[in-house]
């Protein structure tokens, strides 16, 4: 699954992703309670950190693709 597919699948955009350069931040709220685990298995992004209620993703460029 790609990030775009995950974003499309969660339903309404209650919280827009935070885009900073190549990174993307996803607000870790109850809205994504049942789908947040899929963020750790995306084919185009990987979870780089989780800070202050935001799951930070970076592109897999240079990383081994799944």
C-alpha atoms as a PDB file:
ATOM      1  CA  UNK A   1       0.000   0.000   0.000  1.00  0.00           C
ATOM      2  CA  UNK A   2       1.224   3.504  -0.780  1.00  0.00           C
ATOM      3  CA  UNK A   3       0.715   6.585   1.360  1.00  0.00           C
ATOM      4  CA  UNK A   4      -1.773   7.949  -1.192  1.00  0.00           C
ATOM      5  CA  UNK A   5      -3.801   4.727  -0.945  1.00  0.00           C
ATOM      6  CA  UNK A   6      -3.713   4.841   2.847  1.00  0.00           C
ATOM      7  CA  UNK A   7      -4.857   8.475   2.891  1.00  0.00           C
ATOM      8  CA  UNK A   8      -7.695   7.682   0.495  1.00  0.00           C
ATOM      9  CA  UNK A   9      -8.774   4.686   2.563  1.00  0.00           C
ATOM     10  CA  UNK A  10      -9.143   6.405   5.940  1.00  0.00           C
ATOM     11  CA  UNK A  11     -12.228   8.293   4.846  1.00  0.00           C
ATOM     12  CA  UNK A  12     -12.709  11.971   5.565  1.00  0.00           C
ATOM     13  CA  UNK A  13      -9.701  14.226   5.871  1.00  0.00           C
ATOM     14  CA  UNK A  14     -10.373  15.248   9.455  1.00  0.00           C
ATOM     15  CA  UNK A  15      -6.709  16.189   9.816  1.00  0.00           C
ATOM     16  CA  UNK A  16      -4.708  17.055   6.712  1.00  0.00           C
ATOM     17  CA  UNK A  17      -1.199  15.587   6.546  1.00  0.00           C
ATOM     18  CA  UNK A  18       1.662  17.906   7.492  1.00  0.00           C
ATOM     19  CA  UNK A  19       4.021  18.189   4.509  1.00  0.00           C
ATOM     20  CA  UNK A  20       7.520  19.495   5.231  1.00  0.00           C
ATOM     21  CA  UNK A  21       9.968  18.992   2.395  1.00  0.00           C
ATOM     22  CA  UNK A  22      10.192  15.271   1.730  1.00  0.00           C
ATOM     23  CA  UNK A  23       8.602  14.416   5.093  1.00  0.00           C
ATOM     24  CA  UNK A  24       4.945  13.861   5.855  1.00  0.00           C
ATOM     25  CA  UNK A  25       3.383  14.051   9.310  1.00  0.00           C
ATOM     26  CA  UNK A  26       0.189  12.194  10.170  1.00  0.00           C
ATOM     27  CA  UNK A  27      -1.732  13.317  13.259  1.00  0.00           C
ATOM     28  CA  UNK A  28      -2.053  10.300  15.550  1.00  0.00           C
ATOM     29  CA  UNK A  29      -5.669  10.706  16.634  1.00  0.00           C
ATOM     30  CA  UNK A  30      -8.523   8.315  17.422  1.00  0.00           C
ATOM     31  CA  UNK A  31      -9.666   8.954  13.823  1.00  0.00           C
ATOM     32  CA  UNK A  32      -6.909   6.618  12.584  1.00  0.00           C
ATOM     33  CA  UNK A  33      -7.015   4.159  15.496  1.00  0.00           C
ATOM     34  CA  UNK A  34      -7.714   1.119  13.337  1.00  0.00           C
ATOM     35  CA  UNK A  35      -5.532   2.053  10.354  1.00  0.00           C
ATOM     36  CA  UNK A  36      -2.393   3.613  11.865  1.00  0.00           C
ATOM     37  CA  UNK A  37      -0.541   0.281  11.950  1.00  0.00           C
ATOM     38  CA  UNK A  38      -0.541   0.195   8.142  1.00  0.00           C
ATOM     39  CA  UNK A  39       1.744   3.253   8.153  1.00  0.00           C
ATOM     40  CA  UNK A  40       4.602   0.963   9.252  1.00  0.00           C
ATOM     41  CA  UNK A  41       4.168  -1.158   6.112  1.00  0.00           C
ATOM     42  CA  UNK A  42       3.843   1.439   3.325  1.00  0.00           C
ATOM     43  CA  UNK A  43       5.722   0.705   0.108  1.00  0.00           C
ATOM     44  CA  UNK A  44       6.766   4.304  -0.605  1.00  0.00           C
ATOM     45  CA  UNK A  45       7.323   5.791   2.892  1.00  0.00           C
ATOM     46  CA  UNK A  46       8.705   4.577   6.207  1.00  0.00           C
ATOM     47  CA  UNK A  47       8.009   5.760   9.759  1.00  0.00           C
ATOM     48  CA  UNK A  48      11.018   7.772  10.862  1.00  0.00           C
ATOM     49  CA  UNK A  49       9.715   8.868  14.273  1.00  0.00           C
ATOM     50  CA  UNK A  50       6.686   9.531  16.411  1.00  0.00           C
ATOM     51  CA  UNK A  51       6.732  12.837  18.277  1.00  0.00           C
ATOM     52  CA  UNK A  52       4.122  14.970  20.028  1.00  0.00           C
ATOM     53  CA  UNK A  53       1.151  13.093  18.580  1.00  0.00           C
ATOM     54  CA  UNK A  54       2.477  13.063  15.003  1.00  0.00           C
ATOM     55  CA  UNK A  55       3.732  10.036  13.070  1.00  0.00           C
ATOM     56  CA  UNK A  56       6.538  11.265  10.796  1.00  0.00           C
ATOM     57  CA  UNK A  57       7.178   9.538   7.485  1.00  0.00           C
ATOM     58  CA  UNK A  58      10.059   9.853   5.037  1.00  0.00           C
ATOM     59  CA  UNK A  59      10.234   8.574   1.446  1.00  0.00           C
ATOM     60  CA  UNK A  60      11.829   5.175   0.901  1.00  0.00           C
ATOM     61  CA  UNK A  61      14.236   6.656  -1.667  1.00  0.00           C
ATOM     62  CA  UNK A  62      17.489   4.833  -1.106  1.00  0.00           C
ATOM     63  CA  UNK A  63      15.748   2.340   1.173  1.00  0.00           C
ATOM     64  CA  UNK A  64      15.029  -1.272   0.314  1.00  0.00           C
ATOM     65  CA  UNK A  65      11.492  -1.373  -1.106  1.00  0.00           C
ATOM     66  CA  UNK A  66       8.958  -3.766   0.263  1.00  0.00           C
END
